[in-house]
C-alpha atoms as a PDB file:
ATOM      1  CA  UNK A   1     -87.797  39.374  12.496  1.00  0.00           C
ATOM      2  CA  UNK A   2     -90.658  36.676  12.804  1.00  0.00           C
ATOM      3  CA  UNK A   3     -90.428  34.099  15.258  1.00  0.00           C
ATOM      4  CA  UNK A   4     -90.127  30.653  13.381  1.00  0.00           C
ATOM      5  CA  UNK A   5     -92.363  27.961  14.923  1.00  0.00           C
ATOM      6  CA  UNK A   6     -90.910  24.553  14.729  1.00  0.00           C
ATOM      7  CA  UNK A   7     -92.383  20.964  14.774  1.00  0.00           C
ATOM      8  CA  UNK A   8     -89.871  18.229  15.512  1.00  0.00           C
ATOM      9  CA  UNK A   9     -90.892  15.186  13.809  1.00  0.00           C
ATOM     10  CA  UNK A  10     -89.192  12.317  15.683  1.00  0.00           C
ATOM     11  CA  UNK A  11     -87.996  12.202  19.582  1.00  0.00           C
ATOM     12  CA  UNK A  12     -84.699  10.277  19.316  1.00  0.00           C
ATOM     13  CA  UNK A  13     -81.023  11.095  19.515  1.00  0.00           C
ATOM     14  CA  UNK A  14     -80.767  13.466  16.562  1.00  0.00           C
ATOM     15  CA  UNK A  15     -83.968  14.995  17.436  1.00  0.00           C
ATOM     16  CA  UNK A  16     -82.627  15.799  20.785  1.00  0.00           C
ATOM     17  CA  UNK A  17     -79.726  17.598  19.199  1.00  0.00           C
ATOM     18  CA  UNK A  18     -81.827  19.875  17.260  1.00  0.00           C
ATOM     19  CA  UNK A  19     -84.415  20.387  20.230  1.00  0.00           C
ATOM     20  CA  UNK A  20     -81.253  21.612  22.136  1.00  0.00           C
ATOM     21  CA  UNK A  21     -80.052  23.882  19.389  1.00  0.00           C
ATOM     22  CA  UNK A  22     -83.633  25.581  19.146  1.00  0.00           C
ATOM     23  CA  UNK A  23     -84.299  25.672  22.840  1.00  0.00           C
ATOM     24  CA  UNK A  24     -80.893  26.747  24.169  1.00  0.00           C
ATOM     25  CA  UNK A  25     -79.197  28.327  21.582  1.00  0.00           C
ATOM     26  CA  UNK A  26     -81.531  29.947  18.646  1.00  0.00           C
ATOM     27  CA  UNK A  27     -83.781  32.599  19.925  1.00  0.00           C
ATOM     28  CA  UNK A  28     -85.248  33.041  16.317  1.00  0.00           C
ATOM     29  CA  UNK A  29     -86.947  29.478  16.517  1.00  0.00           C
ATOM     30  CA  UNK A  30     -89.432  28.304  18.831  1.00  0.00           C
ATOM     31  CA  UNK A  31     -90.063  24.496  19.446  1.00  0.00           C
ATOM     32  CA  UNK A  32     -93.873  24.271  19.607  1.00  0.00           C
ATOM     33  CA  UNK A  33     -94.270  20.619  19.083  1.00  0.00           C
ATOM     34  CA  UNK A  34     -92.755  17.188  19.110  1.00  0.00           C
ATOM     35  CA  UNK A  35     -94.282  14.116  16.930  1.00  0.00           C
ATOM     36  CA  UNK A  36     -93.280  10.609  17.553  1.00  0.00           C
ATOM     37  CA  UNK A  37     -95.477   7.460  17.335  1.00  0.00           C
ATOM     38  CA  UNK A  38     -93.704   5.897  20.537  1.00  0.00           C
ATOM     39  CA  UNK A  39     -95.387   7.330  23.607  1.00  0.00           C
ATOM     40  CA  UNK A  40     -92.638   6.693  26.025  1.00  0.00           C
ATOM     41  CA  UNK A  41     -89.934   8.280  23.667  1.00  0.00           C
ATOM     42  CA  UNK A  42     -92.333  11.059  22.940  1.00  0.00           C
ATOM     43  CA  UNK A  43     -92.896  12.123  26.620  1.00  0.00           C
ATOM     44  CA  UNK A  44     -89.346  11.763  27.840  1.00  0.00           C
ATOM     45  CA  UNK A  45     -87.974  14.327  24.995  1.00  0.00           C
ATOM     46  CA  UNK A  46     -90.772  16.658  25.241  1.00  0.00           C
ATOM     47  CA  UNK A  47     -90.446  16.670  28.989  1.00  0.00           C
ATOM     48  CA  UNK A  48     -86.639  17.057  28.649  1.00  0.00           C
ATOM     49  CA  UNK A  49     -87.291  20.279  26.529  1.00  0.00           C
ATOM     50  CA  UNK A  50     -90.240  21.651  28.073  1.00  0.00           C
ATOM     51  CA  UNK A  51     -92.617  21.319  25.018  1.00  0.00           C
ATOM     52  CA  UNK A  52     -96.120  21.016  25.915  1.00  0.00           C
ATOM     53  CA  UNK A  53     -97.593  19.966  22.552  1.00  0.00           C
ATOM     54  CA  UNK A  54     -97.166  16.276  21.787  1.00  0.00           C
ATOM     55  CA  UNK A  55     -98.578  14.261  18.713  1.00  0.00           C
ATOM     56  CA  UNK A  56     -98.475  10.718  17.606  1.00  0.00           C
ATOM     57  CA  UNK A  57     -98.493  11.937  13.793  1.00  0.00           C
ATOM     58  CA  UNK A  58     -97.265  14.896  11.676  1.00  0.00           C
ATOM     59  CA  UNK A  59    -100.997  14.952  10.447  1.00  0.00           C
ATOM     60  CA  UNK A  60    -102.231  15.422  13.966  1.00  0.00           C
ATOM     61  CA  UNK A  61     -99.900  18.280  14.480  1.00  0.00           C
ATOM     62  CA  UNK A  62    -100.857  20.137  11.365  1.00  0.00           C
ATOM     63  CA  UNK A  63    -104.497  19.828  12.299  1.00  0.00           C
ATOM     64  CA  UNK A  64    -104.115  21.322  15.784  1.00  0.00           C
ATOM     65  CA  UNK A  65    -101.242  23.794  15.618  1.00  0.00           C
ATOM     66  CA  UNK A  66     -99.984  26.868  13.909  1.00  0.00           C
ATOM     67  CA  UNK A  67     -96.354  26.152  12.666  1.00  0.00           C
ATOM     68  CA  UNK A  68     -93.638  27.410  10.169  1.00  0.00           C
ATOM     69  CA  UNK A  69     -91.478  24.669   9.592  1.00  0.00           C
ATOM     70  CA  UNK A  70     -90.896  20.829  10.349  1.00  0.00           C
ATOM     71  CA  UNK A  71     -87.473  19.348  11.445  1.00  0.00           C
ATOM     72  CA  UNK A  72     -87.499  15.574  10.323  1.00  0.00           C
ATOM     73  CA  UNK A  73     -85.096  13.262  12.151  1.00  0.00           C
ATOM     74  CA  UNK A  74     -86.879   9.710  11.690  1.00  0.00           C
ATOM     75  CA  UNK A  75     -85.615   6.806  10.238  1.00  0.00           C
ATOM     76  CA  UNK A  76     -84.747   6.976   6.369  1.00  0.00           C
ATOM     77  CA  UNK A  77     -87.659   4.816   5.222  1.00  0.00           C
ATOM     78  CA  UNK A  78     -90.192   7.445   6.722  1.00  0.00           C
ATOM     79  CA  UNK A  79     -88.523  10.496   5.253  1.00  0.00           C
ATOM     80  CA  UNK A  80     -90.273  10.883   1.603  1.00  0.00           C
ATOM     81  CA  UNK A  81     -93.807  10.358   2.969  1.00  0.00           C
ATOM     82  CA  UNK A  82     -93.294  13.201   6.004  1.00  0.00           C
ATOM     83  CA  UNK A  83     -91.572  15.522   3.880  1.00  0.00           C
ATOM     84  CA  UNK A  84     -94.214  15.394   1.107  1.00  0.00           C
ATOM     85  CA  UNK A  85     -96.849  15.688   3.844  1.00  0.00           C
ATOM     86  CA  UNK A  86     -95.083  18.748   5.301  1.00  0.00           C
ATOM     87  CA  UNK A  87     -94.592  20.296   1.942  1.00  0.00           C
ATOM     88  CA  UNK A  88     -98.297  19.920   0.760  1.00  0.00           C
ATOM     89  CA  UNK A  89     -99.180  21.692   3.994  1.00  0.00           C
ATOM     90  CA  UNK A  90     -96.985  24.573   3.097  1.00  0.00           C
ATOM     91  CA  UNK A  91     -94.469  24.035   5.856  1.00  0.00           C
ATOM     92  CA  UNK A  92     -90.580  24.587   5.054  1.00  0.00           C
ATOM     93  CA  UNK A  93     -88.395  21.241   5.809  1.00  0.00           C
ATOM     94  CA  UNK A  94     -85.315  20.443   7.571  1.00  0.00           C
ATOM     95  CA  UNK A  95     -84.600  17.065   6.593  1.00  0.00           C
ATOM     96  CA  UNK A  96     -81.965  14.752   8.305  1.00  0.00           C
ATOM     97  CA  UNK A  97     -79.765  12.758   6.280  1.00  0.00           C
ATOM     98  CA  UNK A  98     -79.940  10.522   4.293  1.00  0.00           C
ATOM     99  CA  UNK A  99     -82.522  12.224   2.169  1.00  0.00           C
ATOM    100  CA  UNK A 100     -84.400   9.006   1.400  1.00  0.00           C
ATOM    101  CA  UNK A 101     -84.151   5.455   0.490  1.00  0.00           C
ATOM    102  CA  UNK A 102     -84.514   5.865  -3.533  1.00  0.00           C
ATOM    103  CA  UNK A 103     -83.956   8.445  -6.090  1.00  0.00           C
ATOM    104  CA  UNK A 104     -87.599   8.331  -6.864  1.00  0.00           C
ATOM    105  CA  UNK A 105     -88.194   9.354  -3.346  1.00  0.00           C
ATOM    106  CA  UNK A 106     -85.650  12.159  -3.484  1.00  0.00           C
ATOM    107  CA  UNK A 107     -87.313  13.586  -6.594  1.00  0.00           C
ATOM    108  CA  UNK A 108     -90.686  13.349  -4.972  1.00  0.00           C
ATOM    109  CA  UNK A 109     -89.597  15.414  -2.106  1.00  0.00           C
ATOM    110  CA  UNK A 110     -87.944  17.741  -4.348  1.00  0.00           C
ATOM    111  CA  UNK A 111     -90.943  18.247  -6.432  1.00  0.00           C
ATOM    112  CA  UNK A 112     -93.416  18.891  -3.511  1.00  0.00           C
ATOM    113  CA  UNK A 113     -91.159  21.402  -1.994  1.00  0.00           C
ATOM    114  CA  UNK A 114     -90.971  23.384  -5.284  1.00  0.00           C
ATOM    115  CA  UNK A 115     -94.603  23.296  -6.165  1.00  0.00           C
ATOM    116  CA  UNK A 116     -95.383  24.149  -2.642  1.00  0.00           C
ATOM    117  CA  UNK A 117     -92.875  27.075  -2.771  1.00  0.00           C
ATOM    118  CA  UNK A 118     -91.418  25.835   0.593  1.00  0.00           C
ATOM    119  CA  UNK A 119     -87.577  25.619   1.430  1.00  0.00           C
ATOM    120  CA  UNK A 120     -86.003  22.377   1.875  1.00  0.00           C
ATOM    121  CA  UNK A 121     -82.402  22.234   3.723  1.00  0.00           C
ATOM    122  CA  UNK A 122     -80.821  18.557   4.235  1.00  0.00           C
ATOM    123  CA  UNK A 123     -78.843  17.909   7.578  1.00  0.00           C
ATOM    124  CA  UNK A 124     -75.561  17.896   6.381  1.00  0.00           C
ATOM    125  CA  UNK A 125     -73.824  19.751   9.295  1.00  0.00           C
ATOM    126  CA  UNK A 126     -70.415  19.538   8.388  1.00  0.00           C
ATOM    127  CA  UNK A 127     -70.930  22.234   5.817  1.00  0.00           C
ATOM    128  CA  UNK A 128     -71.595  24.422   9.019  1.00  0.00           C
ATOM    129  CA  UNK A 129     -68.713  23.140  11.504  1.00  0.00           C
ATOM    130  CA  UNK A 130     -66.123  25.908  11.960  1.00  0.00           C
ATOM    131  CA  UNK A 131     -63.362  23.663  10.964  1.00  0.00           C
ATOM    132  CA  UNK A 132     -64.861  22.353   7.756  1.00  0.00           C
ATOM    133  CA  UNK A 133     -66.313  25.662   6.524  1.00  0.00           C
ATOM    134  CA  UNK A 134     -62.792  27.074   7.364  1.00  0.00           C
ATOM    135  CA  UNK A 135     -61.371  24.610   5.330  1.00  0.00           C
ATOM    136  CA  UNK A 136     -63.777  25.133   2.258  1.00  0.00           C
ATOM    137  CA  UNK A 137     -63.089  28.722   2.184  1.00  0.00           C
ATOM    138  CA  UNK A 138     -59.240  28.334   2.203  1.00  0.00           C
ATOM    139  CA  UNK A 139     -59.729  25.829  -0.714  1.00  0.00           C
ATOM    140  CA  UNK A 140     -61.556  28.253  -2.541  1.00  0.00           C
ATOM    141  CA  UNK A 141     -59.153  30.790  -2.070  1.00  0.00           C
ATOM    142  CA  UNK A 142     -56.612  28.602  -3.708  1.00  0.00           C
ATOM    143  CA  UNK A 143     -54.327  27.975  -0.600  1.00  0.00           C
ATOM    144  CA  UNK A 144     -53.486  24.362  -1.583  1.00  0.00           C
ATOM    145  CA  UNK A 145     -54.342  24.715  -5.341  1.00  0.00           C
ATOM    146  CA  UNK A 146     -56.685  22.479  -7.319  1.00  0.00           C
ATOM    147  CA  UNK A 147     -57.523  19.690  -5.018  1.00  0.00           C
ATOM    148  CA  UNK A 148     -56.620  16.379  -6.619  1.00  0.00           C
ATOM    149  CA  UNK A 149     -57.458  13.577  -3.945  1.00  0.00           C
ATOM    150  CA  UNK A 150     -59.775  13.917  -0.970  1.00  0.00           C
ATOM    151  CA  UNK A 151     -60.145  11.197   1.872  1.00  0.00           C
ATOM    152  CA  UNK A 152     -62.755  11.150   4.457  1.00  0.00           C
ATOM    153  CA  UNK A 153     -63.551   8.780   7.336  1.00  0.00           C
ATOM    154  CA  UNK A 154     -66.187   8.473   9.786  1.00  0.00           C
ATOM    155  CA  UNK A 155     -65.833   5.739  12.611  1.00  0.00           C
ATOM    156  CA  UNK A 156     -68.846   5.348  14.961  1.00  0.00           C
ATOM    157  CA  UNK A 157     -68.529   3.822  18.451  1.00  0.00           C
ATOM    158  CA  UNK A 158     -71.854   1.865  18.679  1.00  0.00           C
ATOM    159  CA  UNK A 159     -73.734  -0.759  16.610  1.00  0.00           C
ATOM    160  CA  UNK A 160     -76.401   0.586  14.544  1.00  0.00           C
ATOM    161  CA  UNK A 161     -80.088   0.223  15.372  1.00  0.00           C
ATOM    162  CA  UNK A 162     -81.750  -2.827  13.666  1.00  0.00           C
ATOM    163  CA  UNK A 163     -83.777  -0.958  10.916  1.00  0.00           C
ATOM    164  CA  UNK A 164     -80.193   0.705  10.156  1.00  0.00           C
ATOM    165  CA  UNK A 165     -78.502  -2.228   9.466  1.00  0.00           C
ATOM    166  CA  UNK A 166     -80.928  -3.363   6.786  1.00  0.00           C
ATOM    167  CA  UNK A 167     -80.554  -2.404   3.035  1.00  0.00           C
ATOM    168  CA  UNK A 168     -84.304  -2.520   2.520  1.00  0.00           C
ATOM    169  CA  UNK A 169     -85.026   0.122   5.297  1.00  0.00           C
ATOM    170  CA  UNK A 170     -81.668   1.955   5.157  1.00  0.00           C
ATOM    171  CA  UNK A 171     -79.175   1.404   2.505  1.00  0.00           C
ATOM    172  CA  UNK A 172     -76.726   0.363   5.333  1.00  0.00           C
ATOM    173  CA  UNK A 173     -74.000   2.022   6.979  1.00  0.00           C
ATOM    174  CA  UNK A 174     -72.458   3.882   3.814  1.00  0.00           C
ATOM    175  CA  UNK A 175     -75.823   5.534   4.287  1.00  0.00           C
ATOM    176  CA  UNK A 176     -76.454   5.907   7.681  1.00  0.00           C
ATOM    177  CA  UNK A 177     -73.211   6.546   9.104  1.00  0.00           C
ATOM    178  CA  UNK A 178     -71.297   7.963   5.840  1.00  0.00           C
ATOM    179  CA  UNK A 179     -73.857  10.115   4.097  1.00  0.00           C
ATOM    180  CA  UNK A 180     -71.796  13.159   5.342  1.00  0.00           C
ATOM    181  CA  UNK A 181     -68.717  11.710   3.759  1.00  0.00           C
ATOM    182  CA  UNK A 182     -70.215  11.408   0.540  1.00  0.00           C
ATOM    183  CA  UNK A 183     -71.552  15.146   0.836  1.00  0.00           C
ATOM    184  CA  UNK A 184     -68.421  16.423   2.108  1.00  0.00           C
ATOM    185  CA  UNK A 185     -65.928  15.028  -0.534  1.00  0.00           C
ATOM    186  CA  UNK A 186     -68.231  16.291  -3.258  1.00  0.00           C
ATOM    187  CA  UNK A 187     -68.509  19.681  -1.682  1.00  0.00           C
ATOM    188  CA  UNK A 188     -64.682  20.038  -0.993  1.00  0.00           C
ATOM    189  CA  UNK A 189     -63.624  18.815  -4.455  1.00  0.00           C
ATOM    190  CA  UNK A 190     -66.144  20.710  -6.222  1.00  0.00           C
ATOM    191  CA  UNK A 191     -67.108  17.973  -8.568  1.00  0.00           C
ATOM    192  CA  UNK A 192     -69.881  15.300  -8.825  1.00  0.00           C
ATOM    193  CA  UNK A 193     -68.597  11.507  -8.396  1.00  0.00           C
ATOM    194  CA  UNK A 194     -68.317   9.614 -11.619  1.00  0.00           C
ATOM    195  CA  UNK A 195     -67.603   6.004 -10.456  1.00  0.00           C
ATOM    196  CA  UNK A 196     -67.248   4.281  -7.055  1.00  0.00           C
ATOM    197  CA  UNK A 197     -65.791   0.785  -6.215  1.00  0.00           C
ATOM    198  CA  UNK A 198     -66.562  -0.488  -2.549  1.00  0.00           C
ATOM    199  CA  UNK A 199     -65.363  -3.197  -0.537  1.00  0.00           C
ATOM    200  CA  UNK A 200     -67.206  -4.069   2.690  1.00  0.00           C
ATOM    201  CA  UNK A 201     -66.620  -6.648   5.419  1.00  0.00           C
ATOM    202  CA  UNK A 202     -68.490  -7.896   8.449  1.00  0.00           C
ATOM    203  CA  UNK A 203     -65.702  -8.274  11.102  1.00  0.00           C
ATOM    204  CA  UNK A 204     -67.714  -7.786  14.213  1.00  0.00           C
ATOM    205  CA  UNK A 205     -71.412  -8.525  13.508  1.00  0.00           C
ATOM    206  CA  UNK A 206     -71.403 -12.069  14.140  1.00  0.00           C
ATOM    207  CA  UNK A 207     -69.976 -11.778  17.637  1.00  0.00           C
ATOM    208  CA  UNK A 208     -72.535  -9.154  18.332  1.00  0.00           C
ATOM    209  CA  UNK A 209     -75.487 -11.295  17.241  1.00  0.00           C
ATOM    210  CA  UNK A 210     -76.250  -9.498  14.061  1.00  0.00           C
ATOM    211  CA  UNK A 211     -77.816 -11.592  11.148  1.00  0.00           C
ATOM    212  CA  UNK A 212     -79.012  -9.328   8.982  1.00  0.00           C
ATOM    213  CA  UNK A 213     -78.434 -10.062   5.168  1.00  0.00           C
ATOM    214  CA  UNK A 214     -75.566  -8.086   3.689  1.00  0.00           C
ATOM    215  CA  UNK A 215     -74.780  -6.537   6.974  1.00  0.00           C
ATOM    216  CA  UNK A 216     -71.269  -4.953   7.026  1.00  0.00           C
ATOM    217  CA  UNK A 217     -69.414  -2.866   9.480  1.00  0.00           C
ATOM    218  CA  UNK A 218     -66.130  -1.979   7.637  1.00  0.00           C
ATOM    219  CA  UNK A 219     -65.947  -0.489   4.008  1.00  0.00           C
ATOM    220  CA  UNK A 220     -63.561   1.471   2.045  1.00  0.00           C
ATOM    221  CA  UNK A 221     -64.869   3.288  -1.057  1.00  0.00           C
ATOM    222  CA  UNK A 222     -62.969   4.695  -3.865  1.00  0.00           C
ATOM    223  CA  UNK A 223     -64.509   7.374  -5.945  1.00  0.00           C
ATOM    224  CA  UNK A 224     -63.414   8.859  -9.310  1.00  0.00           C
ATOM    225  CA  UNK A 225     -65.124  12.299  -9.870  1.00  0.00           C
ATOM    226  CA  UNK A 226     -66.104  13.960 -13.032  1.00  0.00           C
ATOM    227  CA  UNK A 227     -63.300  16.245 -13.128  1.00  0.00           C
ATOM    228  CA  UNK A 228     -60.747  13.219 -12.728  1.00  0.00           C
ATOM    229  CA  UNK A 229     -59.866  13.756  -9.453  1.00  0.00           C
ATOM    230  CA  UNK A 230     -59.930  10.757  -6.758  1.00  0.00           C
ATOM    231  CA  UNK A 231     -61.566  10.164  -3.496  1.00  0.00           C
ATOM    232  CA  UNK A 232     -61.733   7.788  -0.474  1.00  0.00           C
ATOM    233  CA  UNK A 233     -64.108   6.961   2.135  1.00  0.00           C
ATOM    234  CA  UNK A 234     -63.366   4.909   5.317  1.00  0.00           C
ATOM    235  CA  UNK A 235     -66.352   3.528   7.237  1.00  0.00           C
ATOM    236  CA  UNK A 236     -66.322   1.846  10.335  1.00  0.00           C
ATOM    237  CA  UNK A 237     -69.164   0.932  12.703  1.00  0.00           C
ATOM    238  CA  UNK A 238     -68.849   0.003  15.568  1.00  0.00           C
ATOM    239  CA  UNK A 239     -65.199   1.105  15.977  1.00  0.00           C
ATOM    240  CA  UNK A 240     -65.573   0.986  19.752  1.00  0.00           C
ATOM    241  CA  UNK A 241     -62.642   3.557  20.430  1.00  0.00           C
ATOM    242  CA  UNK A 242     -64.823   6.682  20.006  1.00  0.00           C
ATOM    243  CA  UNK A 243     -66.260   8.886  17.424  1.00  0.00           C
ATOM    244  CA  UNK A 244     -63.923   9.783  14.587  1.00  0.00           C
ATOM    245  CA  UNK A 245     -64.475  11.876  11.856  1.00  0.00           C
ATOM    246  CA  UNK A 246     -61.347  13.345   9.702  1.00  0.00           C
ATOM    247  CA  UNK A 247     -60.697  14.667   6.010  1.00  0.00           C
ATOM    248  CA  UNK A 248     -57.498  15.130   4.125  1.00  0.00           C
ATOM    249  CA  UNK A 249     -57.266  16.961   0.927  1.00  0.00           C
ATOM    250  CA  UNK A 250     -54.387  16.831  -1.281  1.00  0.00           C
ATOM    251  CA  UNK A 251     -53.851  19.737  -3.671  1.00  0.00           C
ATOM    252  CA  UNK A 252     -51.735  20.624  -6.298  1.00  0.00           C
ATOM    253  CA  UNK A 253     -49.495  23.144  -3.835  1.00  0.00           C
ATOM    254  CA  UNK A 254     -49.983  21.260  -0.675  1.00  0.00           C
ATOM    255  CA  UNK A 255     -52.124  19.024   1.829  1.00  0.00           C
ATOM    256  CA  UNK A 256     -54.760  20.052   4.184  1.00  0.00           C
ATOM    257  CA  UNK A 257     -56.067  18.346   7.044  1.00  0.00           C
ATOM    258  CA  UNK A 258     -59.426  18.564   8.715  1.00  0.00           C
ATOM    259  CA  UNK A 259     -60.302  17.200  12.525  1.00  0.00           C
ATOM    260  CA  UNK A 260     -58.258  15.343  14.889  1.00  0.00           C
ATOM    261  CA  UNK A 261     -58.894  12.460  17.279  1.00  0.00           C
ATOM    262  CA  UNK A 262     -58.321  14.328  20.390  1.00  0.00           C
ATOM    263  CA  UNK A 263     -61.586  15.682  21.862  1.00  0.00           C
ATOM    264  CA  UNK A 264     -59.868  18.474  23.879  1.00  0.00           C
ATOM    265  CA  UNK A 265     -56.770  20.492  23.930  1.00  0.00           C
ATOM    266  CA  UNK A 266     -55.908  18.882  27.183  1.00  0.00           C
ATOM    267  CA  UNK A 267     -52.881  16.551  27.880  1.00  0.00           C
ATOM    268  CA  UNK A 268     -52.231  14.546  30.941  1.00  0.00           C
ATOM    269  CA  UNK A 269     -49.092  12.724  31.940  1.00  0.00           C
ATOM    270  CA  UNK A 270     -48.937  11.178  35.284  1.00  0.00           C
ATOM    271  CA  UNK A 271     -46.285   8.530  35.074  1.00  0.00           C
ATOM    272  CA  UNK A 272     -43.879   7.176  32.521  1.00  0.00           C
ATOM    273  CA  UNK A 273     -45.539   3.723  32.192  1.00  0.00           C
ATOM    274  CA  UNK A 274     -48.917   5.475  30.820  1.00  0.00           C
ATOM    275  CA  UNK A 275     -47.414   8.343  28.707  1.00  0.00           C
ATOM    276  CA  UNK A 276     -49.504  11.276  27.537  1.00  0.00           C
ATOM    277  CA  UNK A 277     -53.285  10.818  27.888  1.00  0.00           C
ATOM    278  CA  UNK A 278     -55.916  13.074  26.008  1.00  0.00           C
ATOM    279  CA  UNK A 279     -59.560  12.859  25.888  1.00  0.00           C
ATOM    280  CA  UNK A 280     -61.148  11.897  22.595  1.00  0.00           C
ATOM    281  CA  UNK A 281     -64.554  12.697  21.318  1.00  0.00           C
ATOM    282  CA  UNK A 282     -67.077   9.767  22.494  1.00  0.00           C
ATOM    283  CA  UNK A 283     -69.990  10.764  20.191  1.00  0.00           C
ATOM    284  CA  UNK A 284     -71.312  12.736  17.290  1.00  0.00           C
ATOM    285  CA  UNK A 285     -73.083  15.361  18.816  1.00  0.00           C
ATOM    286  CA  UNK A 286     -69.953  16.223  20.766  1.00  0.00           C
ATOM    287  CA  UNK A 287     -67.825  16.541  18.010  1.00  0.00           C
ATOM    288  CA  UNK A 288     -70.122  18.496  15.854  1.00  0.00           C
ATOM    289  CA  UNK A 289     -71.869  20.471  18.434  1.00  0.00           C
ATOM    290  CA  UNK A 290     -71.421  23.933  16.747  1.00  0.00           C
ATOM    291  CA  UNK A 291     -72.112  22.381  13.137  1.00  0.00           C
ATOM    292  CA  UNK A 292     -75.656  21.396  14.572  1.00  0.00           C
ATOM    293  CA  UNK A 293     -76.267  24.779  16.077  1.00  0.00           C
ATOM    294  CA  UNK A 294     -75.108  26.646  12.801  1.00  0.00           C
ATOM    295  CA  UNK A 295     -77.170  24.545  10.617  1.00  0.00           C
ATOM    296  CA  UNK A 296     -80.334  25.002  12.357  1.00  0.00           C
ATOM    297  CA  UNK A 297     -79.462  28.660  12.257  1.00  0.00           C
ATOM    298  CA  UNK A 298     -78.956  28.871   8.664  1.00  0.00           C
ATOM    299  CA  UNK A 299     -82.330  27.194   8.154  1.00  0.00           C
ATOM    300  CA  UNK A 300     -84.163  29.888  10.376  1.00  0.00           C
ATOM    301  CA  UNK A 301     -82.314  32.659   8.839  1.00  0.00           C
ATOM    302  CA  UNK A 302     -83.303  31.129   5.419  1.00  0.00           C
ATOM    303  CA  UNK A 303     -87.182  31.292   6.164  1.00  0.00           C
ATOM    304  CA  UNK A 304     -86.822  34.538   7.949  1.00  0.00           C
ATOM    305  CA  UNK A 305     -85.140  36.536   4.694  1.00  0.00           C
ATOM    306  CA  UNK A 306     -86.757  34.293   2.195  1.00  0.00           C
ATOM    307  CA  UNK A 307     -83.370  33.069   0.761  1.00  0.00           C
ATOM    308  CA  UNK A 308     -83.026  29.579  -0.083  1.00  0.00           C
ATOM    309  CA  UNK A 309     -80.657  27.408   2.100  1.00  0.00           C
ATOM    310  CA  UNK A 310     -77.276  26.781   0.442  1.00  0.00           C
ATOM    311  CA  UNK A 311     -77.427  22.806   0.994  1.00  0.00           C
ATOM    312  CA  UNK A 312     -80.669  21.317  -0.425  1.00  0.00           C
ATOM    313  CA  UNK A 313     -82.632  18.545  -2.676  1.00  0.00           C
ATOM    314  CA  UNK A 314     -79.606  18.281  -5.257  1.00  0.00           C
ATOM    315  CA  UNK A 315     -76.923  17.676  -2.449  1.00  0.00           C
ATOM    316  CA  UNK A 316     -79.261  15.250  -0.761  1.00  0.00           C
ATOM    317  CA  UNK A 317     -79.946  13.216  -3.954  1.00  0.00           C
ATOM    318  CA  UNK A 318     -76.053  13.013  -5.157  1.00  0.00           C
ATOM    319  CA  UNK A 319     -75.517  11.547  -1.529  1.00  0.00           C
ATOM    320  CA  UNK A 320     -78.324   8.928  -1.967  1.00  0.00           C
ATOM    321  CA  UNK A 321     -77.150   8.325  -5.421  1.00  0.00           C
ATOM    322  CA  UNK A 322     -73.353   7.545  -4.401  1.00  0.00           C
ATOM    323  CA  UNK A 323     -74.649   5.162  -1.766  1.00  0.00           C
ATOM    324  CA  UNK A 324     -76.846   3.359  -4.149  1.00  0.00           C
ATOM    325  CA  UNK A 325     -73.685   3.162  -6.638  1.00  0.00           C
ATOM    326  CA  UNK A 326     -71.493   1.902  -3.946  1.00  0.00           C
ATOM    327  CA  UNK A 327     -74.063  -0.738  -2.577  1.00  0.00           C
ATOM    328  CA  UNK A 328     -74.404  -1.984  -6.185  1.00  0.00           C
ATOM    329  CA  UNK A 329     -70.707  -1.886  -6.394  1.00  0.00           C
ATOM    330  CA  UNK A 330     -70.094  -4.352  -3.446  1.00  0.00           C
ATOM    331  CA  UNK A 331     -72.989  -6.675  -4.216  1.00  0.00           C
ATOM    332  CA  UNK A 332     -72.012  -7.093  -7.665  1.00  0.00           C
ATOM    333  CA  UNK A 333     -68.292  -6.718  -6.924  1.00  0.00           C
ATOM    334  CA  UNK A 334     -67.299  -4.319  -9.700  1.00  0.00           C
ATOM    335  CA  UNK A 335     -67.037  -0.711 -10.021  1.00  0.00           C
ATOM    336  CA  UNK A 336     -70.051   1.164 -10.946  1.00  0.00           C
ATOM    337  CA  UNK A 337     -70.859   4.153 -12.675  1.00  0.00           C
ATOM    338  CA  UNK A 338     -73.208   6.933 -11.092  1.00  0.00           C
ATOM    339  CA  UNK A 339     -75.047   6.976 -14.433  1.00  0.00           C
ATOM    340  CA  UNK A 340     -75.980   3.174 -13.972  1.00  0.00           C
ATOM    341  CA  UNK A 341     -78.115   4.374 -10.863  1.00  0.00           C
ATOM    342  CA  UNK A 342     -79.173   7.766 -11.979  1.00  0.00           C
ATOM    343  CA  UNK A 343     -80.493   6.788 -15.550  1.00  0.00           C
END
């Protein structure tokens, strides 16, 4: 099959994860260029993965090299312009979450992709993680009956970068940390969210010098779905103890749990005082290593077979809409219907 030529837009942490997938695990794709306006970051990442073609802007890359697709990993407030530029150039798009800042931007991205006949895949890697995808299949098979309640948590170890703390440039932690939770609960429940209520708290920020308006590091969200079922999202960042992503689904006939705190199936006991000790997941690339590989494999396969990716613009838009509703909820201290932000 045709080799897919990829341009990576962004050279930070998420970019390195996708670069590793493309250069070490997926022979169907070739990483031909990297784009980043920060020269030092660009050089370091390009050197690490042996990529010779380096550009400060996507426009420069499009003017100078032949490519089939772009992988966008830049901050959220840049997504719309970059994705639209790529679509108008006829390039398929893999877009990291969150899809964009606003629903208008989501719609502009989706419209550009459709008008230019290119695929758009959102970076919801949990759908491709072996544990999560197996759980979804077992739910679809009716193993626990109709899901009635889903609870998802993502607790991240580190303080988000300054741009990700600001509602004006990121929509906050409920977007940057918990976009996967929003997508996951909707996917596993098989229903769109109807109403959300969010409580947030800034419990660690002041001690770490964070002065950003409306910053929060803890959040609890309650969701009612269109089919009448319930959901819950727990968000902590920074949690300090490690990376933690788990889901519980209660169904008519039983319960299903996905993920665990342990990072390895290794337990050590050296004395009675310290008890049992086991490693934990320290980072999100470690926890979802296979999810990231498999989602990129799916993107390449979609292009090669001319088959639309199974996670796209609609899924990204619902996650953004859910975040916007939850943000309005905690700012106005009330439950918010999704119809209020999607009107």
